[in-house]
Each structure stands twice: as C-alpha cells, then as structure tokens.
C-alpha cells in the first residue's frame, strides 16, 4: 500500500483531534473529486512498518490527546489496500484503547466483499458512497455529496 499524506494532528477530517492518513488507490475516480492525485495505487510513498508504528505511537502520545484516526484517500477499501488497512485497524483496536476509527470509501456498504467487511467490522464510523458532483453540498458534515451515508457502526 502507498499513502499520500499523514497528519499526526488533524482537526478537520473527523471529530476532535485525530490522526489522518490519506492512502493511494481509488477505482471510483469520481468527477469533481478533491483528491484526484491519490487515485493511482502506485502514487505517493510506500506505507512502511515504521509508518504504521508512528501512527500507533501518535495515537498513544499523551502530550497531544487524540480521539482516533481517520482513514481516507484514495480509498482505504481499495482491494490492494485492504490487507494493510486491516492490519493497521487491528493494531489500533489492540494497542490504542478508546481510539475511534473513521473510514471514507467510495463503495456502498452493501457492495463490500468479505475482506472489506472484515475491516469495516472493526471501525466505528464508515462514510460510504461515491462523490457525486451534482449532489455536492458544502453544508454537509463529514461528506461531500448528499448521496453519501455516515454509518455509526459502534
């Protein structure tokens, strides 16, 4: 898996202060996407074990209390990303007590395969659905177009 950007302290992409990771790779290629540079799976930089550990360390850092992590992109549930995203969310669940996990994906909840569902079973909030330019609404919270759904899973 590759990633484009990591913010160790973010107050924009989800509630509270959190970490945010923008991964590479998206098959949806929605017209009007604000993050078009993340579409190619081989763009950005490799997501290494060192980067994974940095996220765990940042989430556990008591100097800057973080509510959780936001995983966006690209698409964290792109088939090429799922194995490493699954490992990351499993580690967060095990090693970062009380941290929430938010995931944005262009897939709809009912379109997910078994591997993608394994990830979703571990997250708190899933924002699903492709961005639709004609349904864009800047008044929406945590989503760009009105067809997208915020699923509070746990």
C-alpha atoms as a PDB file:
ATOM      1  CA  UNK A   1       0.000   0.000   0.000  1.00  0.00           C
ATOM      2  CA  UNK A   2       1.075   3.551  -0.649  1.00  0.00           C
ATOM      3  CA  UNK A   3      -0.046   6.754   1.016  1.00  0.00           C
ATOM      4  CA  UNK A   4      -0.067  10.410   0.044  1.00  0.00           C
ATOM      5  CA  UNK A   5      -0.291  12.276   3.296  1.00  0.00           C
ATOM      6  CA  UNK A   6      -0.254  11.650   7.006  1.00  0.00           C
ATOM      7  CA  UNK A   7      -1.336  14.274   9.524  1.00  0.00           C
ATOM      8  CA  UNK A   8      -0.328  13.332  13.079  1.00  0.00           C
ATOM      9  CA  UNK A   9      -2.565  16.115  14.445  1.00  0.00           C
ATOM     10  CA  UNK A  10      -5.725  16.946  12.490  1.00  0.00           C
ATOM     11  CA  UNK A  11      -8.937  18.736  13.464  1.00  0.00           C
ATOM     12  CA  UNK A  12     -10.614  18.777  10.025  1.00  0.00           C
ATOM     13  CA  UNK A  13     -11.162  15.157   8.940  1.00  0.00           C
ATOM     14  CA  UNK A  14     -13.449  13.869  11.677  1.00  0.00           C
ATOM     15  CA  UNK A  15     -14.415  14.852  15.202  1.00  0.00           C
ATOM     16  CA  UNK A  16     -11.934  16.037  17.787  1.00  0.00           C
ATOM     17  CA  UNK A  17      -8.184  15.984  17.412  1.00  0.00           C
ATOM     18  CA  UNK A  18      -7.048  12.927  15.494  1.00  0.00           C
ATOM     19  CA  UNK A  19      -4.516  11.371  13.155  1.00  0.00           C
ATOM     20  CA  UNK A  20      -5.434  11.249   9.455  1.00  0.00           C
ATOM     21  CA  UNK A  21      -3.975   9.011   6.747  1.00  0.00           C
ATOM     22  CA  UNK A  22      -4.679   9.523   3.039  1.00  0.00           C
ATOM     23  CA  UNK A  23      -3.916   6.302   1.152  1.00  0.00           C
ATOM     24  CA  UNK A  24      -3.290   5.818  -2.562  1.00  0.00           C
ATOM     25  CA  UNK A  25      -5.577   3.978  -4.941  1.00  0.00           C
ATOM     26  CA  UNK A  26      -9.186   4.540  -5.956  1.00  0.00           C
ATOM     27  CA  UNK A  27     -11.157   2.761  -8.666  1.00  0.00           C
ATOM     28  CA  UNK A  28     -14.136   5.118  -8.422  1.00  0.00           C
ATOM     29  CA  UNK A  29     -12.474   8.204  -9.968  1.00  0.00           C
ATOM     30  CA  UNK A  30     -15.446  10.429  -9.154  1.00  0.00           C
ATOM     31  CA  UNK A  31     -15.759  13.572 -11.298  1.00  0.00           C
ATOM     32  CA  UNK A  32     -15.096  16.574  -9.062  1.00  0.00           C
ATOM     33  CA  UNK A  33     -13.047  14.585  -6.536  1.00  0.00           C
ATOM     34  CA  UNK A  34     -10.935  16.936  -4.414  1.00  0.00           C
ATOM     35  CA  UNK A  35      -8.192  14.330  -4.005  1.00  0.00           C
ATOM     36  CA  UNK A  36      -7.617  13.195  -7.583  1.00  0.00           C
ATOM     37  CA  UNK A  37      -3.856  12.874  -7.052  1.00  0.00           C
ATOM     38  CA  UNK A  38      -4.472   9.808  -4.856  1.00  0.00           C
ATOM     39  CA  UNK A  39      -6.247   7.686  -7.498  1.00  0.00           C
ATOM     40  CA  UNK A  40      -3.221   5.699  -8.754  1.00  0.00           C
ATOM     41  CA  UNK A  41      -2.262   2.843  -6.425  1.00  0.00           C
ATOM     42  CA  UNK A  42       1.449   3.366  -7.119  1.00  0.00           C
ATOM     43  CA  UNK A  43       1.386   7.097  -6.369  1.00  0.00           C
ATOM     44  CA  UNK A  44       2.602   8.587  -3.126  1.00  0.00           C
ATOM     45  CA  UNK A  45       5.092   6.752  -0.928  1.00  0.00           C
ATOM     46  CA  UNK A  46       5.214   3.222   0.494  1.00  0.00           C
ATOM     47  CA  UNK A  47       3.364   2.599   3.748  1.00  0.00           C
ATOM     48  CA  UNK A  48       6.124   1.004   5.809  1.00  0.00           C
ATOM     49  CA  UNK A  49       6.145  -0.792   9.150  1.00  0.00           C
ATOM     50  CA  UNK A  50       7.869   2.324  10.521  1.00  0.00           C
ATOM     51  CA  UNK A  51       4.953   4.480   9.338  1.00  0.00           C
ATOM     52  CA  UNK A  52       2.469   2.056  10.877  1.00  0.00           C
ATOM     53  CA  UNK A  53       4.344   2.208  14.190  1.00  0.00           C
ATOM     54  CA  UNK A  54       4.433   6.014  14.035  1.00  0.00           C
ATOM     55  CA  UNK A  55       0.628   6.078  13.796  1.00  0.00           C
ATOM     56  CA  UNK A  56       0.302   3.745  16.801  1.00  0.00           C
ATOM     57  CA  UNK A  57       2.789   5.878  18.762  1.00  0.00           C
ATOM     58  CA  UNK A  58       0.997   9.113  17.811  1.00  0.00           C
ATOM     59  CA  UNK A  59      -2.388   7.710  18.870  1.00  0.00           C
ATOM     60  CA  UNK A  60      -0.891   6.742  22.240  1.00  0.00           C
ATOM     61  CA  UNK A  61       1.008  10.010  22.752  1.00  0.00           C
ATOM     62  CA  UNK A  62      -0.372  11.606  25.914  1.00  0.00           C
ATOM     63  CA  UNK A  63       1.120  15.031  25.150  1.00  0.00           C
ATOM     64  CA  UNK A  64      -1.467  15.564  22.379  1.00  0.00           C
ATOM     65  CA  UNK A  65      -4.643  13.638  23.173  1.00  0.00           C
ATOM     66  CA  UNK A  66      -6.211  12.246  20.022  1.00  0.00           C
ATOM     67  CA  UNK A  67      -9.738  10.912  19.745  1.00  0.00           C
ATOM     68  CA  UNK A  68      -8.828   8.497  16.965  1.00  0.00           C
ATOM     69  CA  UNK A  69      -7.825   8.108  13.349  1.00  0.00           C
ATOM     70  CA  UNK A  70      -9.406   8.986  10.020  1.00  0.00           C
ATOM     71  CA  UNK A  71      -8.583   6.813   7.008  1.00  0.00           C
ATOM     72  CA  UNK A  72      -9.279   8.406   3.645  1.00  0.00           C
ATOM     73  CA  UNK A  73      -7.682   8.617   0.257  1.00  0.00           C
ATOM     74  CA  UNK A  74      -7.867   7.436  -2.391  1.00  0.00           C
ATOM     75  CA  UNK A  75      -9.886   4.638  -0.919  1.00  0.00           C
ATOM     76  CA  UNK A  76      -8.792   2.663   2.152  1.00  0.00           C
ATOM     77  CA  UNK A  77     -11.035  -0.195   0.968  1.00  0.00           C
ATOM     78  CA  UNK A  78      -9.409  -0.429  -2.471  1.00  0.00           C
ATOM     79  CA  UNK A  79      -8.635  -4.174  -2.827  1.00  0.00           C
ATOM     80  CA  UNK A  80      -4.870  -3.523  -2.827  1.00  0.00           C
ATOM     81  CA  UNK A  81      -5.127  -1.530   0.416  1.00  0.00           C
ATOM     82  CA  UNK A  82      -7.327  -3.888   2.419  1.00  0.00           C
ATOM     83  CA  UNK A  83      -4.605  -6.212   3.830  1.00  0.00           C
ATOM     84  CA  UNK A  84      -2.523  -3.361   5.271  1.00  0.00           C
ATOM     85  CA  UNK A  85      -5.551  -1.326   6.380  1.00  0.00           C
ATOM     86  CA  UNK A  86      -6.863  -4.433   8.160  1.00  0.00           C
ATOM     87  CA  UNK A  87      -3.556  -4.927   9.954  1.00  0.00           C
ATOM     88  CA  UNK A  88      -3.489  -1.249  10.961  1.00  0.00           C
ATOM     89  CA  UNK A  89      -7.043  -1.198  12.338  1.00  0.00           C
ATOM     90  CA  UNK A  90      -6.429  -4.484  14.177  1.00  0.00           C
ATOM     91  CA  UNK A  91      -3.360  -2.960  15.828  1.00  0.00           C
ATOM     92  CA  UNK A  92      -5.260   0.214  16.726  1.00  0.00           C
ATOM     93  CA  UNK A  93      -8.060  -1.854  18.306  1.00  0.00           C
ATOM     94  CA  UNK A  94      -5.486  -3.863  20.305  1.00  0.00           C
ATOM     95  CA  UNK A  95      -2.902  -1.223  21.191  1.00  0.00           C
ATOM     96  CA  UNK A  96      -4.783   2.087  21.309  1.00  0.00           C
ATOM     97  CA  UNK A  97      -7.527   1.776  23.888  1.00  0.00           C
ATOM     98  CA  UNK A  98     -10.533   4.012  23.384  1.00  0.00           C
ATOM     99  CA  UNK A  99      -9.496   5.436  19.999  1.00  0.00           C
ATOM    100  CA  UNK A 100     -12.166   5.600  17.315  1.00  0.00           C
ATOM    101  CA  UNK A 101     -11.607   4.710  13.653  1.00  0.00           C
ATOM    102  CA  UNK A 102     -13.362   6.541  10.820  1.00  0.00           C
ATOM    103  CA  UNK A 103     -13.126   5.318   7.200  1.00  0.00           C
ATOM    104  CA  UNK A 104     -14.208   7.041   3.976  1.00  0.00           C
ATOM    105  CA  UNK A 105     -14.871   4.827   0.942  1.00  0.00           C
ATOM    106  CA  UNK A 106     -16.489   5.114  -2.463  1.00  0.00           C
ATOM    107  CA  UNK A 107     -18.002   1.666  -2.036  1.00  0.00           C
ATOM    108  CA  UNK A 108     -21.509   1.320  -0.613  1.00  0.00           C
ATOM    109  CA  UNK A 109     -21.872  -0.838   2.482  1.00  0.00           C
ATOM    110  CA  UNK A 110     -23.837  -3.482   0.559  1.00  0.00           C
ATOM    111  CA  UNK A 111     -21.139  -3.691  -2.157  1.00  0.00           C
ATOM    112  CA  UNK A 112     -18.310  -4.746   0.161  1.00  0.00           C
ATOM    113  CA  UNK A 113     -16.609  -8.108  -0.243  1.00  0.00           C
ATOM    114  CA  UNK A 114     -15.660 -10.319   2.711  1.00  0.00           C
ATOM    115  CA  UNK A 115     -12.158  -8.828   3.088  1.00  0.00           C
ATOM    116  CA  UNK A 116     -13.511  -5.267   3.070  1.00  0.00           C
ATOM    117  CA  UNK A 117     -16.211  -6.244   5.594  1.00  0.00           C
ATOM    118  CA  UNK A 118     -13.504  -7.585   7.892  1.00  0.00           C
ATOM    119  CA  UNK A 119     -12.082  -4.047   8.044  1.00  0.00           C
ATOM    120  CA  UNK A 120     -15.496  -2.421   8.461  1.00  0.00           C
ATOM    121  CA  UNK A 121     -16.311  -4.780  11.340  1.00  0.00           C
ATOM    122  CA  UNK A 122     -13.519  -3.048  13.296  1.00  0.00           C
ATOM    123  CA  UNK A 123     -14.304   0.610  12.563  1.00  0.00           C
ATOM    124  CA  UNK A 124     -16.570   2.991  14.435  1.00  0.00           C
ATOM    125  CA  UNK A 125     -17.808   5.093  11.542  1.00  0.00           C
ATOM    126  CA  UNK A 126     -17.967   4.390   7.809  1.00  0.00           C
ATOM    127  CA  UNK A 127     -18.784   7.130   5.322  1.00  0.00           C
ATOM    128  CA  UNK A 128     -19.750   5.330   2.123  1.00  0.00           C
ATOM    129  CA  UNK A 129     -20.676   6.149  -1.435  1.00  0.00           C
ATOM    130  CA  UNK A 130     -19.077   7.823  -4.398  1.00  0.00           C
ATOM    131  CA  UNK A 131     -18.823  11.595  -4.501  1.00  0.00           C
ATOM    132  CA  UNK A 132     -21.486  12.893  -6.924  1.00  0.00           C
ATOM    133  CA  UNK A 133     -20.767  16.397  -8.210  1.00  0.00           C
ATOM    134  CA  UNK A 134     -24.457  17.171  -8.868  1.00  0.00           C
ATOM    135  CA  UNK A 135     -25.260  16.310  -5.224  1.00  0.00           C
ATOM    136  CA  UNK A 136     -22.390  18.337  -3.728  1.00  0.00           C
ATOM    137  CA  UNK A 137     -23.442  20.221  -0.634  1.00  0.00           C
ATOM    138  CA  UNK A 138     -20.902  22.268   1.355  1.00  0.00           C
ATOM    139  CA  UNK A 139     -23.302  22.307   4.333  1.00  0.00           C
ATOM    140  CA  UNK A 140     -22.932  18.554   4.882  1.00  0.00           C
ATOM    141  CA  UNK A 141     -20.768  17.353   7.741  1.00  0.00           C
ATOM    142  CA  UNK A 142     -18.128  14.655   7.043  1.00  0.00           C
ATOM    143  CA  UNK A 143     -19.282  14.077   3.449  1.00  0.00           C
ATOM    144  CA  UNK A 144     -19.177  15.903   0.165  1.00  0.00           C
ATOM    145  CA  UNK A 145     -22.426  14.915  -1.547  1.00  0.00           C
ATOM    146  CA  UNK A 146     -25.893  14.086  -0.236  1.00  0.00           C
ATOM    147  CA  UNK A 147     -25.880  10.501  -1.544  1.00  0.00           C
ATOM    148  CA  UNK A 148     -23.053   9.568   0.834  1.00  0.00           C
ATOM    149  CA  UNK A 149     -24.096   7.993   4.129  1.00  0.00           C
ATOM    150  CA  UNK A 150     -22.455   8.287   7.549  1.00  0.00           C
ATOM    151  CA  UNK A 151     -22.828   4.881   9.238  1.00  0.00           C
ATOM    152  CA  UNK A 152     -22.257   4.970  13.013  1.00  0.00           C
ATOM    153  CA  UNK A 153     -21.385   1.307  13.446  1.00  0.00           C
ATOM    154  CA  UNK A 154     -20.224   1.201  17.088  1.00  0.00           C
END
